[in-house]
């Protein structure tokens, strides 16, 4: 049997009845099922603009319908062009503006 005194009570570790240890913080519940977390609660379609920030403020990330370059103002205020970003995935980059000039990707969705 595992020595449960070696584990922090707040560490997410769980000792099952059979003595095996799982860590809920790593996404496994004590019954063996997987924990699924969703960090996306909202989304908006983005029309790139050289003058306007995103209407809902700083995003958690963005999705591209078609790959390409995306020129953004990051949450910090830094302006950068991200080249050759892949389509079909959420890029976890906090942005406040997507510029029209320098952006070739399409189907942009900001996630919150």
PDB file of N, CA and C in Angstrom:
ATOM      1  N   UNK A   1       0.848  -1.180   0.000  1.00  0.00           N
ATOM      2  CA  UNK A   1       0.000   0.000   0.000  1.00  0.00           C
ATOM      3  C   UNK A   1       0.888   1.235   0.000  1.00  0.00           C
ATOM      4  N   UNK A   2       0.491   2.243  -0.746  1.00  0.00           N
ATOM      5  CA  UNK A   2       1.244   3.484  -0.844  1.00  0.00           C
ATOM      6  C   UNK A   2       1.161   4.259   0.464  1.00  0.00           C
ATOM      7  N   UNK A   3       2.240   4.979   0.766  1.00  0.00           N
ATOM      8  CA  UNK A   3       2.273   5.826   1.952  1.00  0.00           C
ATOM      9  C   UNK A   3       1.670   7.176   1.589  1.00  0.00           C
ATOM     10  N   UNK A   4       0.426   7.404   1.969  1.00  0.00           N
ATOM     11  CA  UNK A   4      -0.247   8.647   1.585  1.00  0.00           C
ATOM     12  C   UNK A   4       0.304   9.857   2.320  1.00  0.00           C
ATOM     13  N   UNK A   5       1.106   9.645   3.347  1.00  0.00           N
ATOM     14  CA  UNK A   5       1.698  10.766   4.062  1.00  0.00           C
ATOM     15  C   UNK A   5       2.760  11.483   3.223  1.00  0.00           C
ATOM     16  N   UNK A   6       3.189  10.861   2.126  1.00  0.00           N
ATOM     17  CA  UNK A   6       4.183  11.479   1.261  1.00  0.00           C
ATOM     18  C   UNK A   6       3.570  12.511   0.314  1.00  0.00           C
ATOM     19  N   UNK A   7       2.253  12.604   0.275  1.00  0.00           N
ATOM     20  CA  UNK A   7       1.574  13.465  -0.683  1.00  0.00           C
ATOM     21  C   UNK A   7       0.866  14.603   0.023  1.00  0.00           C
ATOM     22  N   UNK A   8       0.968  15.769  -0.584  1.00  0.00           N
ATOM     23  CA  UNK A   8       0.288  16.944  -0.055  1.00  0.00           C
ATOM     24  C   UNK A   8      -1.215  16.748  -0.163  1.00  0.00           C
ATOM     25  N   UNK A   9      -1.977  17.132   0.859  1.00  0.00           N
ATOM     26  CA  UNK A   9      -3.426  16.990   0.776  1.00  0.00           C
ATOM     27  C   UNK A   9      -4.036  17.881  -0.297  1.00  0.00           C
ATOM     28  N   UNK A  10      -3.311  18.896  -0.755  1.00  0.00           N
ATOM     29  CA  UNK A  10      -3.820  19.786  -1.792  1.00  0.00           C
ATOM     30  C   UNK A  10      -3.186  19.485  -3.145  1.00  0.00           C
ATOM     31  N   UNK A  11      -2.429  18.407  -3.250  1.00  0.00           N
ATOM     32  CA  UNK A  11      -1.720  18.112  -4.484  1.00  0.00           C
ATOM     33  C   UNK A  11      -2.548  17.434  -5.547  1.00  0.00           C
ATOM     34  N   UNK A  12      -3.793  17.097  -5.234  1.00  0.00           N
ATOM     35  CA  UNK A  12      -4.647  16.460  -6.220  1.00  0.00           C
ATOM     36  C   UNK A  12      -4.502  14.955  -6.256  1.00  0.00           C
ATOM     37  N   UNK A  13      -3.657  14.376  -5.406  1.00  0.00           N
ATOM     38  CA  UNK A  13      -3.449  12.932  -5.422  1.00  0.00           C
ATOM     39  C   UNK A  13      -4.568  12.233  -4.654  1.00  0.00           C
ATOM     40  N   UNK A  14      -5.035  11.163  -5.236  1.00  0.00           N
ATOM     41  CA  UNK A  14      -6.119  10.390  -4.651  1.00  0.00           C
ATOM     42  C   UNK A  14      -5.670   8.953  -4.539  1.00  0.00           C
ATOM     43  N   UNK A  15      -5.916   8.335  -3.390  1.00  0.00           N
ATOM     44  CA  UNK A  15      -5.608   6.922  -3.197  1.00  0.00           C
ATOM     45  C   UNK A  15      -6.917   6.160  -3.377  1.00  0.00           C
ATOM     46  N   UNK A  16      -6.929   5.269  -4.356  1.00  0.00           N
ATOM     47  CA  UNK A  16      -8.111   4.441  -4.593  1.00  0.00           C
ATOM     48  C   UNK A  16      -8.207   3.358  -3.538  1.00  0.00           C
ATOM     49  N   UNK A  17      -9.368   2.712  -3.461  1.00  0.00           N
ATOM     50  CA  UNK A  17      -9.572   1.620  -2.504  1.00  0.00           C
ATOM     51  C   UNK A  17      -8.582   0.485  -2.710  1.00  0.00           C
ATOM     52  N   UNK A  18      -8.145   0.279  -3.965  1.00  0.00           N
ATOM     53  CA  UNK A  18      -7.201  -0.810  -4.237  1.00  0.00           C
ATOM     54  C   UNK A  18      -5.748  -0.401  -3.972  1.00  0.00           C
ATOM     55  N   UNK A  19      -5.526   0.838  -3.482  1.00  0.00           N
ATOM     56  CA  UNK A  19      -4.190   1.286  -3.133  1.00  0.00           C
ATOM     57  C   UNK A  19      -3.459   2.030  -4.232  1.00  0.00           C
ATOM     58  N   UNK A  20      -4.020   2.060  -5.448  1.00  0.00           N
ATOM     59  CA  UNK A  20      -3.362   2.807  -6.513  1.00  0.00           C
ATOM     60  C   UNK A  20      -3.579   4.297  -6.308  1.00  0.00           C
ATOM     61  N   UNK A  21      -2.633   5.067  -6.784  1.00  0.00           N
ATOM     62  CA  UNK A  21      -2.694   6.515  -6.617  1.00  0.00           C
ATOM     63  C   UNK A  21      -2.920   7.156  -7.971  1.00  0.00           C
ATOM     64  N   UNK A  22      -3.862   8.064  -8.025  1.00  0.00           N
ATOM     65  CA  UNK A  22      -4.104   8.855  -9.234  1.00  0.00           C
ATOM     66  C   UNK A  22      -4.018  10.316  -8.855  1.00  0.00           C
ATOM     67  N   UNK A  23      -3.801  11.147  -9.829  1.00  0.00           N
ATOM     68  CA  UNK A  23      -3.685  12.568  -9.577  1.00  0.00           C
ATOM     69  C   UNK A  23      -4.779  13.297 -10.349  1.00  0.00           C
ATOM     70  N   UNK A  24      -5.794  13.767  -9.647  1.00  0.00           N
ATOM     71  CA  UNK A  24      -6.892  14.465 -10.296  1.00  0.00           C
ATOM     72  C   UNK A  24      -6.403  15.727 -10.997  1.00  0.00           C
ATOM     73  N   UNK A  25      -5.356  16.336 -10.453  1.00  0.00           N
ATOM     74  CA  UNK A  25      -4.807  17.540 -11.074  1.00  0.00           C
ATOM     75  C   UNK A  25      -4.225  17.242 -12.449  1.00  0.00           C
ATOM     76  N   UNK A  26      -3.877  15.995 -12.729  1.00  0.00           N
ATOM     77  CA  UNK A  26      -3.352  15.611 -14.042  1.00  0.00           C
ATOM     78  C   UNK A  26      -4.459  15.128 -14.966  1.00  0.00           C
ATOM     79  N   UNK A  27      -5.709  15.286 -14.535  1.00  0.00           N
ATOM     80  CA  UNK A  27      -6.821  14.979 -15.413  1.00  0.00           C
ATOM     81  C   UNK A  27      -7.412  13.594 -15.251  1.00  0.00           C
ATOM     82  N   UNK A  28      -7.120  12.885 -14.159  1.00  0.00           N
ATOM     83  CA  UNK A  28      -7.695  11.562 -13.930  1.00  0.00           C
ATOM     84  C   UNK A  28      -8.480  11.602 -12.619  1.00  0.00           C
ATOM     85  N   UNK A  29      -9.760  11.271 -12.684  1.00  0.00           N
ATOM     86  CA  UNK A  29     -10.577  11.213 -11.477  1.00  0.00           C
ATOM     87  C   UNK A  29     -10.295   9.913 -10.734  1.00  0.00           C
ATOM     88  N   UNK A  30     -10.761   9.853  -9.497  1.00  0.00           N
ATOM     89  CA  UNK A  30     -10.514   8.654  -8.698  1.00  0.00           C
ATOM     90  C   UNK A  30     -11.195   7.414  -9.267  1.00  0.00           C
ATOM     91  N   UNK A  31     -12.212   7.583 -10.132  1.00  0.00           N
ATOM     92  CA  UNK A  31     -12.851   6.422 -10.759  1.00  0.00           C
ATOM     93  C   UNK A  31     -12.164   6.021 -12.066  1.00  0.00           C
ATOM     94  N   UNK A  32     -11.073   6.731 -12.410  1.00  0.00           N
ATOM     95  CA  UNK A  32     -10.314   6.405 -13.612  1.00  0.00           C
ATOM     96  C   UNK A  32     -10.745   7.174 -14.843  1.00  0.00           C
ATOM     97  N   UNK A  33     -11.845   7.913 -14.753  1.00  0.00           N
ATOM     98  CA  UNK A  33     -12.295   8.680 -15.912  1.00  0.00           C
ATOM     99  C   UNK A  33     -11.462   9.948 -16.057  1.00  0.00           C
ATOM    100  N   UNK A  34     -11.470  10.499 -17.256  1.00  0.00           N
ATOM    101  CA  UNK A  34     -10.656  11.668 -17.546  1.00  0.00           C
ATOM    102  C   UNK A  34     -11.433  12.950 -17.270  1.00  0.00           C
ATOM    103  N   UNK A  35     -10.751  13.930 -16.691  1.00  0.00           N
ATOM    104  CA  UNK A  35     -11.319  15.250 -16.455  1.00  0.00           C
ATOM    105  C   UNK A  35     -11.083  16.080 -17.712  1.00  0.00           C
ATOM    106  N   UNK A  36     -12.119  16.746 -18.201  1.00  0.00           N
ATOM    107  CA  UNK A  36     -11.991  17.599 -19.374  1.00  0.00           C
ATOM    108  C   UNK A  36     -12.271  19.035 -18.947  1.00  0.00           C
ATOM    109  N   UNK A  37     -11.296  19.911 -19.183  1.00  0.00           N
ATOM    110  CA  UNK A  37     -11.446  21.316 -18.854  1.00  0.00           C
ATOM    111  C   UNK A  37     -11.596  22.109 -20.146  1.00  0.00           C
ATOM    112  N   UNK A  38     -12.471  23.059 -20.153  1.00  0.00           N
ATOM    113  CA  UNK A  38     -12.617  23.934 -21.305  1.00  0.00           C
ATOM    114  C   UNK A  38     -12.318  25.353 -20.875  1.00  0.00           C
ATOM    115  N   UNK A  39     -11.347  25.953 -21.516  1.00  0.00           N
ATOM    116  CA  UNK A  39     -11.002  27.324 -21.165  1.00  0.00           C
ATOM    117  C   UNK A  39     -11.689  28.334 -22.083  1.00  0.00           C
ATOM    118  N   UNK A  40     -12.452  27.855 -23.064  1.00  0.00           N
ATOM    119  CA  UNK A  40     -13.143  28.754 -23.979  1.00  0.00           C
ATOM    120  C   UNK A  40     -14.604  28.864 -23.567  1.00  0.00           C
ATOM    121  N   UNK A  41     -15.015  30.097 -23.267  1.00  0.00           N
ATOM    122  CA  UNK A  41     -16.397  30.343 -22.855  1.00  0.00           C
ATOM    123  C   UNK A  41     -17.178  31.180 -23.851  1.00  0.00           C
ATOM    124  N   UNK A  42     -16.475  31.839 -24.760  1.00  0.00           N
ATOM    125  CA  UNK A  42     -17.129  32.708 -25.724  1.00  0.00           C
ATOM    126  C   UNK A  42     -16.219  32.868 -26.934  1.00  0.00           C
ATOM    127  N   UNK A  43     -16.776  33.359 -28.025  1.00  0.00           N
ATOM    128  CA  UNK A  43     -16.003  33.565 -29.244  1.00  0.00           C
ATOM    129  C   UNK A  43     -16.673  34.627 -30.103  1.00  0.00           C
ATOM    130  N   UNK A  44     -15.868  35.309 -30.916  1.00  0.00           N
ATOM    131  CA  UNK A  44     -16.401  36.274 -31.884  1.00  0.00           C
ATOM    132  C   UNK A  44     -15.659  36.108 -33.208  1.00  0.00           C
ATOM    133  N   UNK A  45     -16.362  36.365 -34.292  1.00  0.00           N
ATOM    134  CA  UNK A  45     -15.735  36.411 -35.605  1.00  0.00           C
ATOM    135  C   UNK A  45     -14.939  37.713 -35.692  1.00  0.00           C
ATOM    136  N   UNK A  46     -13.724  37.628 -36.204  1.00  0.00           N
ATOM    137  CA  UNK A  46     -12.849  38.794 -36.263  1.00  0.00           C
ATOM    138  C   UNK A  46     -12.784  39.328 -37.690  1.00  0.00           C
ATOM    139  N   UNK A  47     -13.037  40.621 -37.814  1.00  0.00           N
ATOM    140  CA  UNK A  47     -12.765  41.338 -39.056  1.00  0.00           C
ATOM    141  C   UNK A  47     -11.491  42.137 -38.807  1.00  0.00           C
ATOM    142  N   UNK A  48     -10.373  41.744 -39.421  1.00  0.00           N
ATOM    143  CA  UNK A  48      -9.118  42.460 -39.176  1.00  0.00           C
ATOM    144  C   UNK A  48      -9.261  43.961 -39.448  1.00  0.00           C
ATOM    145  N   UNK A  49      -8.655  44.761 -38.583  1.00  0.00           N
ATOM    146  CA  UNK A  49      -8.737  46.213 -38.690  1.00  0.00           C
ATOM    147  C   UNK A  49      -7.435  46.826 -38.198  1.00  0.00           C
ATOM    148  N   UNK A  50      -6.942  47.811 -38.929  1.00  0.00           N
ATOM    149  CA  UNK A  50      -5.726  48.498 -38.492  1.00  0.00           C
ATOM    150  C   UNK A  50      -6.009  49.537 -37.408  1.00  0.00           C
ATOM    151  N   UNK A  51      -7.290  49.842 -37.165  1.00  0.00           N
ATOM    152  CA  UNK A  51      -7.622  50.893 -36.202  1.00  0.00           C
ATOM    153  C   UNK A  51      -8.406  50.418 -34.988  1.00  0.00           C
ATOM    154  N   UNK A  52      -9.149  49.316 -35.090  1.00  0.00           N
ATOM    155  CA  UNK A  52     -10.033  48.897 -33.993  1.00  0.00           C
ATOM    156  C   UNK A  52      -9.503  47.675 -33.257  1.00  0.00           C
ATOM    157  N   UNK A  53      -9.587  47.735 -31.929  1.00  0.00           N
ATOM    158  CA  UNK A  53      -9.279  46.567 -31.103  1.00  0.00           C
ATOM    159  C   UNK A  53     -10.431  45.573 -31.181  1.00  0.00           C
ATOM    160  N   UNK A  54     -10.219  44.351 -30.716  1.00  0.00           N
ATOM    161  CA  UNK A  54     -11.278  43.352 -30.672  1.00  0.00           C
ATOM    162  C   UNK A  54     -12.421  43.869 -29.798  1.00  0.00           C
ATOM    163  N   UNK A  55     -13.648  43.643 -30.224  1.00  0.00           N
ATOM    164  CA  UNK A  55     -14.813  44.222 -29.539  1.00  0.00           C
ATOM    165  C   UNK A  55     -15.012  43.701 -28.119  1.00  0.00           C
ATOM    166  N   UNK A  56     -14.535  42.509 -27.811  1.00  0.00           N
ATOM    167  CA  UNK A  56     -14.691  41.953 -26.469  1.00  0.00           C
ATOM    168  C   UNK A  56     -13.415  42.057 -25.634  1.00  0.00           C
ATOM    169  N   UNK A  57     -12.459  42.815 -26.103  1.00  0.00           N
ATOM    170  CA  UNK A  57     -11.222  42.992 -25.346  1.00  0.00           C
ATOM    171  C   UNK A  57     -10.188  41.927 -25.674  1.00  0.00           C
ATOM    172  N   UNK A  58      -9.249  41.760 -24.778  1.00  0.00           N
ATOM    173  CA  UNK A  58      -8.129  40.834 -24.997  1.00  0.00           C
ATOM    174  C   UNK A  58      -8.628  39.398 -25.003  1.00  0.00           C
ATOM    175  N   UNK A  59      -8.254  38.669 -26.047  1.00  0.00           N
ATOM    176  CA  UNK A  59      -8.692  37.275 -26.206  1.00  0.00           C
ATOM    177  C   UNK A  59      -7.780  36.317 -25.447  1.00  0.00           C
ATOM    178  N   UNK A  60      -8.271  35.084 -25.271  1.00  0.00           N
ATOM    179  CA  UNK A  60      -7.419  34.002 -24.746  1.00  0.00           C
ATOM    180  C   UNK A  60      -6.620  33.363 -25.872  1.00  0.00           C
ATOM    181  N   UNK A  61      -7.111  33.530 -27.084  1.00  0.00           N
ATOM    182  CA  UNK A  61      -6.462  32.944 -28.243  1.00  0.00           C
ATOM    183  C   UNK A  61      -7.304  33.189 -29.476  1.00  0.00           C
ATOM    184  N   UNK A  62      -6.894  32.569 -30.598  1.00  0.00           N
ATOM    185  CA  UNK A  62      -7.682  32.707 -31.810  1.00  0.00           C
ATOM    186  C   UNK A  62      -7.556  31.465 -32.683  1.00  0.00           C
ATOM    187  N   UNK A  63      -8.573  31.277 -33.499  1.00  0.00           N
ATOM    188  CA  UNK A  63      -8.701  30.146 -34.412  1.00  0.00           C
ATOM    189  C   UNK A  63      -8.620  30.697 -35.828  1.00  0.00           C
ATOM    190  N   UNK A  64      -8.003  29.942 -36.724  1.00  0.00           N
ATOM    191  CA  UNK A  64      -7.939  30.327 -38.128  1.00  0.00           C
ATOM    192  C   UNK A  64      -8.672  29.296 -38.979  1.00  0.00           C
ATOM    193  N   UNK A  65      -9.547  29.769 -39.853  1.00  0.00           N
ATOM    194  CA  UNK A  65     -10.216  28.874 -40.785  1.00  0.00           C
ATOM    195  C   UNK A  65      -9.319  28.487 -41.944  1.00  0.00           C
ATOM    196  N   UNK A  66      -8.427  29.396 -42.328  1.00  0.00           N
ATOM    197  CA  UNK A  66      -7.454  29.138 -43.396  1.00  0.00           C
ATOM    198  C   UNK A  66      -6.108  29.682 -42.946  1.00  0.00           C
ATOM    199  N   UNK A  67      -5.063  28.913 -43.164  1.00  0.00           N
ATOM    200  CA  UNK A  67      -3.726  29.288 -42.676  1.00  0.00           C
ATOM    201  C   UNK A  67      -3.204  30.539 -43.368  1.00  0.00           C
ATOM    202  N   UNK A  68      -2.227  31.150 -42.719  1.00  0.00           N
ATOM    203  CA  UNK A  68      -1.603  32.345 -43.274  1.00  0.00           C
ATOM    204  C   UNK A  68      -0.896  33.136 -42.199  1.00  0.00           C
ATOM    205  N   UNK A  69      -0.585  34.374 -42.529  1.00  0.00           N
ATOM    206  CA  UNK A  69       0.074  35.270 -41.590  1.00  0.00           C
ATOM    207  C   UNK A  69      -0.989  36.061 -40.824  1.00  0.00           C
ATOM    208  N   UNK A  70      -0.689  36.377 -39.563  1.00  0.00           N
ATOM    209  CA  UNK A  70      -1.596  37.178 -38.751  1.00  0.00           C
ATOM    210  C   UNK A  70      -0.761  38.240 -38.036  1.00  0.00           C
ATOM    211  N   UNK A  71      -1.059  39.504 -38.331  1.00  0.00           N
ATOM    212  CA  UNK A  71      -0.394  40.614 -37.639  1.00  0.00           C
ATOM    213  C   UNK A  71      -1.298  41.036 -36.489  1.00  0.00           C
ATOM    214  N   UNK A  72      -0.749  41.019 -35.279  1.00  0.00           N
ATOM    215  CA  UNK A  72      -1.552  41.272 -34.085  1.00  0.00           C
ATOM    216  C   UNK A  72      -0.864  42.263 -33.154  1.00  0.00           C
ATOM    217  N   UNK A  73      -1.682  42.886 -32.310  1.00  0.00           N
ATOM    218  CA  UNK A  73      -1.189  43.576 -31.126  1.00  0.00           C
ATOM    219  C   UNK A  73      -1.425  42.609 -29.974  1.00  0.00           C
ATOM    220  N   UNK A  74      -0.360  42.198 -29.319  1.00  0.00           N
ATOM    221  CA  UNK A  74      -0.472  41.299 -28.168  1.00  0.00           C
ATOM    222  C   UNK A  74      -1.047  42.052 -26.971  1.00  0.00           C
ATOM    223  N   UNK A  75      -1.428  41.326 -25.950  1.00  0.00           N
ATOM    224  CA  UNK A  75      -1.972  41.927 -24.737  1.00  0.00           C
ATOM    225  C   UNK A  75      -1.003  42.942 -24.143  1.00  0.00           C
ATOM    226  N   UNK A  76       0.286  42.709 -24.308  1.00  0.00           N
ATOM    227  CA  UNK A  76       1.319  43.600 -23.774  1.00  0.00           C
ATOM    228  C   UNK A  76       1.436  44.906 -24.552  1.00  0.00           C
ATOM    229  N   UNK A  77       0.851  44.937 -25.767  1.00  0.00           N
ATOM    230  CA  UNK A  77       0.975  46.105 -26.630  1.00  0.00           C
ATOM    231  C   UNK A  77       1.956  45.913 -27.767  1.00  0.00           C
ATOM    232  N   UNK A  78       2.735  44.860 -27.724  1.00  0.00           N
ATOM    233  CA  UNK A  78       3.698  44.560 -28.784  1.00  0.00           C
ATOM    234  C   UNK A  78       2.953  44.184 -30.064  1.00  0.00           C
ATOM    235  N   UNK A  79       3.395  44.744 -31.172  1.00  0.00           N
ATOM    236  CA  UNK A  79       2.844  44.389 -32.482  1.00  0.00           C
ATOM    237  C   UNK A  79       3.807  43.430 -33.157  1.00  0.00           C
ATOM    238  N   UNK A  80       3.251  42.318 -33.656  1.00  0.00           N
ATOM    239  CA  UNK A  80       4.093  41.292 -34.278  1.00  0.00           C
ATOM    240  C   UNK A  80       3.299  40.582 -35.369  1.00  0.00           C
ATOM    241  N   UNK A  81       4.001  40.143 -36.416  1.00  0.00           N
ATOM    242  CA  UNK A  81       3.384  39.322 -37.445  1.00  0.00           C
ATOM    243  C   UNK A  81       3.789  37.878 -37.211  1.00  0.00           C
ATOM    244  N   UNK A  82       2.797  37.038 -37.049  1.00  0.00           N
ATOM    245  CA  UNK A  82       3.010  35.600 -36.851  1.00  0.00           C
ATOM    246  C   UNK A  82       2.834  34.941 -38.213  1.00  0.00           C
ATOM    247  N   UNK A  83       3.909  34.405 -38.750  1.00  0.00           N
ATOM    248  CA  UNK A  83       3.904  33.881 -40.115  1.00  0.00           C
ATOM    249  C   UNK A  83       3.519  32.409 -40.181  1.00  0.00           C
ATOM    250  N   UNK A  84       2.804  32.077 -41.231  1.00  0.00           N
ATOM    251  CA  UNK A  84       2.475  30.686 -41.577  1.00  0.00           C
ATOM    252  C   UNK A  84       1.791  29.928 -40.448  1.00  0.00           C
ATOM    253  N   UNK A  85       0.815  30.558 -39.794  1.00  0.00           N
ATOM    254  CA  UNK A  85       0.078  29.859 -38.738  1.00  0.00           C
ATOM    255  C   UNK A  85      -0.871  28.832 -39.341  1.00  0.00           C
ATOM    256  N   UNK A  86      -1.002  27.712 -38.654  1.00  0.00           N
ATOM    257  CA  UNK A  86      -1.842  26.615 -39.130  1.00  0.00           C
ATOM    258  C   UNK A  86      -3.322  26.908 -38.922  1.00  0.00           C
ATOM    259  N   UNK A  87      -4.125  26.399 -39.819  1.00  0.00           N
ATOM    260  CA  UNK A  87      -5.582  26.499 -39.706  1.00  0.00           C
ATOM    261  C   UNK A  87      -6.106  25.324 -38.900  1.00  0.00           C
ATOM    262  N   UNK A  88      -7.305  25.495 -38.348  1.00  0.00           N
ATOM    263  CA  UNK A  88      -7.998  24.392 -37.699  1.00  0.00           C
ATOM    264  C   UNK A  88      -7.619  24.144 -36.257  1.00  0.00           C
ATOM    265  N   UNK A  89      -6.820  25.024 -35.664  1.00  0.00           N
ATOM    266  CA  UNK A  89      -6.445  24.887 -34.255  1.00  0.00           C
ATOM    267  C   UNK A  89      -6.610  26.243 -33.562  1.00  0.00           C
ATOM    268  N   UNK A  90      -6.761  26.195 -32.248  1.00  0.00           N
ATOM    269  CA  UNK A  90      -6.783  27.428 -31.471  1.00  0.00           C
ATOM    270  C   UNK A  90      -5.355  27.748 -31.054  1.00  0.00           C
ATOM    271  N   UNK A  91      -4.904  28.927 -31.421  1.00  0.00           N
ATOM    272  CA  UNK A  91      -3.572  29.394 -31.048  1.00  0.00           C
ATOM    273  C   UNK A  91      -3.719  30.162 -29.729  1.00  0.00           C
ATOM    274  N   UNK A  92      -3.087  29.696 -28.650  1.00  0.00           N
ATOM    275  CA  UNK A  92      -3.278  30.318 -27.329  1.00  0.00           C
ATOM    276  C   UNK A  92      -2.432  31.582 -27.149  1.00  0.00           C
ATOM    277  N   UNK A  93      -2.788  32.593 -27.908  1.00  0.00           N
ATOM    278  CA  UNK A  93      -2.043  33.851 -27.898  1.00  0.00           C
ATOM    279  C   UNK A  93      -3.032  34.971 -27.554  1.00  0.00           C
ATOM    280  N   UNK A  94      -2.770  35.691 -26.471  1.00  0.00           N
ATOM    281  CA  UNK A  94      -3.655  36.772 -26.029  1.00  0.00           C
ATOM    282  C   UNK A  94      -3.428  38.002 -26.895  1.00  0.00           C
ATOM    283  N   UNK A  95      -4.438  38.363 -27.671  1.00  0.00           N
ATOM    284  CA  UNK A  95      -4.330  39.513 -28.564  1.00  0.00           C
ATOM    285  C   UNK A  95      -5.446  40.510 -28.297  1.00  0.00           C
ATOM    286  N   UNK A  96      -5.141  41.787 -28.591  1.00  0.00           N
ATOM    287  CA  UNK A  96      -6.185  42.806 -28.459  1.00  0.00           C
ATOM    288  C   UNK A  96      -6.589  43.403 -29.804  1.00  0.00           C
ATOM    289  N   UNK A  97      -5.755  43.183 -30.829  1.00  0.00           N
ATOM    290  CA  UNK A  97      -6.095  43.672 -32.171  1.00  0.00           C
ATOM    291  C   UNK A  97      -5.523  42.727 -33.207  1.00  0.00           C
ATOM    292  N   UNK A  98      -6.295  42.499 -34.275  1.00  0.00           N
ATOM    293  CA  UNK A  98      -5.815  41.780 -35.452  1.00  0.00           C
ATOM    294  C   UNK A  98      -5.807  42.795 -36.591  1.00  0.00           C
ATOM    295  N   UNK A  99      -4.625  43.092 -37.110  1.00  0.00           N
ATOM    296  CA  UNK A  99      -4.473  44.095 -38.160  1.00  0.00           C
ATOM    297  C   UNK A  99      -4.914  43.549 -39.514  1.00  0.00           C
ATOM    298  N   UNK A 100      -5.473  44.442 -40.341  1.00  0.00           N
ATOM    299  CA  UNK A 100      -5.820  44.069 -41.714  1.00  0.00           C
ATOM    300  C   UNK A 100      -4.550  44.001 -42.566  1.00  0.00           C
ATOM    301  N   UNK A 101      -3.717  45.032 -42.431  1.00  0.00           N
ATOM    302  CA  UNK A 101      -2.457  45.073 -43.175  1.00  0.00           C
ATOM    303  C   UNK A 101      -1.495  44.052 -42.575  1.00  0.00           C
ATOM    304  N   UNK A 102      -1.047  43.122 -43.389  1.00  0.00           N
ATOM    305  CA  UNK A 102      -0.112  42.104 -42.918  1.00  0.00           C
ATOM    306  C   UNK A 102      -0.770  40.789 -42.543  1.00  0.00           C
ATOM    307  N   UNK A 103      -2.101  40.743 -42.533  1.00  0.00           N
ATOM    308  CA  UNK A 103      -2.827  39.504 -42.220  1.00  0.00           C
ATOM    309  C   UNK A 103      -3.327  38.873 -43.505  1.00  0.00           C
ATOM    310  N   UNK A 104      -2.910  37.626 -43.743  1.00  0.00           N
ATOM    311  CA  UNK A 104      -3.362  36.890 -44.930  1.00  0.00           C
ATOM    312  C   UNK A 104      -4.283  35.726 -44.561  1.00  0.00           C
ATOM    313  N   UNK A 105      -4.256  35.305 -43.302  1.00  0.00           N
ATOM    314  CA  UNK A 105      -5.143  34.216 -42.862  1.00  0.00           C
ATOM    315  C   UNK A 105      -6.587  34.702 -42.892  1.00  0.00           C
ATOM    316  N   UNK A 106      -7.505  33.755 -43.058  1.00  0.00           N
ATOM    317  CA  UNK A 106      -8.928  34.105 -43.075  1.00  0.00           C
ATOM    318  C   UNK A 106      -9.698  33.196 -42.124  1.00  0.00           C
ATOM    319  N   UNK A 107     -10.960  33.551 -41.929  1.00  0.00           N
ATOM    320  CA  UNK A 107     -11.798  32.767 -41.022  1.00  0.00           C
ATOM    321  C   UNK A 107     -11.324  32.874 -39.591  1.00  0.00           C
ATOM    322  N   UNK A 108     -10.949  34.070 -39.159  1.00  0.00           N
ATOM    323  CA  UNK A 108     -10.365  34.275 -37.832  1.00  0.00           C
ATOM    324  C   UNK A 108     -11.475  34.408 -36.795  1.00  0.00           C
ATOM    325  N   UNK A 109     -11.319  33.659 -35.720  1.00  0.00           N
ATOM    326  CA  UNK A 109     -12.258  33.697 -34.594  1.00  0.00           C
ATOM    327  C   UNK A 109     -11.458  33.915 -33.331  1.00  0.00           C
ATOM    328  N   UNK A 110     -11.803  34.948 -32.561  1.00  0.00           N
ATOM    329  CA  UNK A 110     -11.161  35.171 -31.260  1.00  0.00           C
ATOM    330  C   UNK A 110     -11.935  34.389 -30.205  1.00  0.00           C
ATOM    331  N   UNK A 111     -11.220  33.732 -29.309  1.00  0.00           N
ATOM    332  CA  UNK A 111     -11.875  32.944 -28.256  1.00  0.00           C
ATOM    333  C   UNK A 111     -11.603  33.580 -26.896  1.00  0.00           C
ATOM    334  N   UNK A 112     -12.613  33.464 -26.021  1.00  0.00           N
ATOM    335  CA  UNK A 112     -12.568  34.071 -24.681  1.00  0.00           C
ATOM    336  C   UNK A 112     -12.924  33.052 -23.621  1.00  0.00           C
TER     337      UNK A 112
END
